[in-house]
Structure formats: C-alpha cells, structure tokens
Protein backbone atom coordinates (compact mmCIF):
# COMPACT_ATOMS: atom_id res chain seq x y z
CA MET A 1 -5.06 15.06 -5.25
CA ASN A 2 -7.20 11.94 -3.96
CA TRP A 3 -5.95 12.21 -0.71
CA LEU A 4 -7.10 16.03 -0.66
CA ILE A 5 -10.59 15.32 -0.73
CA PRO A 6 -10.67 12.52 2.84
CA LYS A 7 -8.70 15.71 4.31
CA ALA A 8 -11.32 17.89 3.49
CA TYR A 9 -13.86 15.49 4.76
CA ALA A 10 -12.61 15.06 7.78
CA GLU A 11 -12.18 18.29 8.07
CA ALA A 12 -15.55 19.22 7.59
CA THR A 13 -16.85 16.63 10.06
CA GLY A 14 -15.00 18.22 12.82
CA GLY A 15 -12.80 14.83 12.77
CA GLN A 16 -8.42 14.99 13.30
CA TRP A 17 -5.99 13.58 10.42
CA ASN A 18 -3.25 12.42 10.37
CA TRP A 19 -1.26 10.65 7.97
CA LEU A 20 -2.37 7.09 8.24
CA GLY A 21 -5.53 9.14 7.37
CA PRO A 22 -8.75 10.89 8.83
CA VAL A 23 -9.45 10.06 12.73
CA ASN A 24 -12.12 10.69 14.01
CA SER A 25 -11.59 10.01 17.73
CA GLY A 26 -15.52 9.83 18.72
CA ASN A 27 -16.36 7.62 16.37
CA ALA A 28 -13.55 4.04 16.57
CA THR A 29 -14.54 1.16 15.05
CA VAL A 30 -12.52 -2.52 14.70
CA GLY A 31 -13.05 -2.04 11.33
CA GLY A 32 -11.54 1.44 11.16
CA LEU A 33 -8.55 -0.17 13.29
CA ALA A 34 -8.10 -2.65 11.06
CA ASN A 35 -8.18 -0.60 7.51
CA THR A 36 -5.04 1.72 9.37
CA VAL A 37 -2.63 -1.31 10.18
CA PHE A 38 -3.11 -3.25 6.93
CA HIS A 39 -2.80 0.47 4.82
CA PHE A 40 0.33 0.93 7.25
CA VAL A 41 1.70 -3.00 6.90
CA LEU A 42 1.30 -2.57 3.54
CA LEU A 43 2.94 1.09 2.83
CA ILE A 44 6.02 -0.14 4.61
CA ALA A 45 5.90 -3.42 2.45
CA ALA A 46 6.32 -1.47 -0.43
CA VAL A 47 8.67 0.82 0.22
CA LEU A 48 11.17 -2.65 1.86
CA ALA A 49 9.94 -4.01 -2.11
CA VAL A 50 11.00 -0.85 -3.34
CA ILE A 51 14.43 -0.54 -1.89
CA TYR A 52 14.95 -4.42 -2.31
CA LEU A 53 14.32 -3.81 -6.05
CA ILE A 54 16.80 -0.99 -6.37
CA TYR A 55 19.66 -2.92 -4.62
CA SER A 56 18.74 -5.83 -6.65
CA GLY A 57 19.26 -3.58 -10.29
CA ILE A 58 22.77 -2.75 -8.10
CA ILE A 59 23.65 -6.03 -7.85
CA TYR A 60 22.82 -6.58 -11.17
CA ILE A 61 24.51 -4.02 -12.87
CA THR A 62 27.53 -4.31 -11.38
CA ALA A 63 28.01 -7.78 -12.16
CA ALA A 64 30.82 -6.65 -14.71
CA GLY A 65 30.31 -10.21 -15.72
CA ASN A 66 30.18 -12.23 -12.94
CA PRO A 67 26.88 -15.07 -14.24
CA ASP A 68 26.32 -15.25 -10.88
CA ASN A 69 26.35 -12.10 -10.04
CA ALA A 70 24.13 -11.23 -12.35
CA LYS A 71 21.76 -13.61 -12.84
CA LYS A 72 21.59 -13.17 -8.26
CA GLY A 73 20.61 -9.64 -9.39
CA GLN A 74 18.21 -10.65 -12.30
CA GLN A 75 16.60 -12.62 -9.97
CA GLY A 76 16.60 -10.21 -6.83
CA VAL A 77 14.54 -7.82 -9.53
CA ILE A 78 12.22 -10.24 -10.91
CA ASN A 79 11.36 -11.21 -6.83
CA ALA A 80 10.80 -8.22 -6.35
CA ILE A 81 8.50 -6.45 -9.07
CA ILE A 82 6.15 -10.32 -8.19
CA GLY A 83 6.02 -8.60 -4.71
CA ILE A 84 5.16 -4.93 -5.21
CA ILE A 85 2.68 -6.67 -7.77
CA ILE A 86 1.26 -8.66 -5.07
CA ILE A 87 0.95 -5.52 -2.48
CA VAL A 88 -0.85 -3.53 -4.89
CA ALA A 89 -3.23 -6.48 -5.27
CA ALA A 90 -3.36 -6.66 -1.63
CA TYR A 91 -4.48 -2.83 -1.48
CA PHE A 92 -7.18 -3.09 -3.88
CA ILE A 93 -8.61 -6.78 -2.36
CA ILE A 94 -8.75 -5.08 0.99
CA ASN A 95 -9.91 -1.68 0.19
CA LEU A 96 -13.02 -3.51 -1.61
CA ALA A 97 -13.75 -5.60 1.56
CA MET A 98 -13.71 -2.99 4.00
CA ASN A 99 -15.64 -0.71 1.17
CA ILE A 100 -18.08 -3.92 1.29
CA ALA A 101 -18.31 -4.56 4.76
CA SER A 102 -19.08 -0.58 6.12
CA GLY A 103 -21.66 -0.50 3.14
CA VAL A 104 -20.09 2.40 0.50
CA ALA A 105 -21.41 2.68 -2.53
CA VAL A 106 -19.01 1.50 -5.21
CA GLY A 107 -19.69 3.70 -9.05
CA GLY A 108 -22.97 4.42 -7.73
CA GLY A 109 -24.31 1.35 -6.60
CA ILE A 110 -23.79 -1.12 -3.71
CA LEU A 111 -22.17 -4.01 -4.51
C-alpha cells in the first residue's frame, strides 16, 4: 500500500507516475536520476537472486543422493540468501543516503 502514497503525491502535484516511481518532468535532477537507476539495478539484482535461489533449490532437491550435487545446491541456496540480504541492505542504505542528501525529515526530525 505504500506505493499508493507517492503515486497520489505525484498526481496531486501535477507530476506523472510510471512503474519506477514519480516523474516530474520539470524538476528532473541528477539525484533523482541516480535514485531511479539505483532502484532499477537493485530490482534486477533481486529478481536474479530469487531466480538463482529457485534454481539452486531445484538442484538441491533433485540431487537424489549425489553428494556433489547436494553440496552444489546447498551452497547455491546459501549464496542466494546472502545476496538477497546484501540487496535489501543496499536498498535501505541508498534510501537513507538519498533522504539525508535531500534533507527529508525522517521520524519527525532531520537526520
């Protein structure tokens, strides 16, 4: 539901909305472009990590007693989960950095 708030804000301020977020054609900034690019790259990385997690899970399940395939699948699952954790952490760090750089109030105060 949080995606509705930026959409409503963009529509209320006369901006446009696309699947990457609000687009205000008159107020395009380098920071806004960087933010959009970072979020797009993180989205692609997250999709690839989930696909790799599913693939590794299938390798692990279909090992059929073969210890080499079981180890390969298990290591793939572990690596995919670590990758997803890194992607989520990067998302929060980028959002925090963008909020600090733009001077947005967080939690009732400015950081």
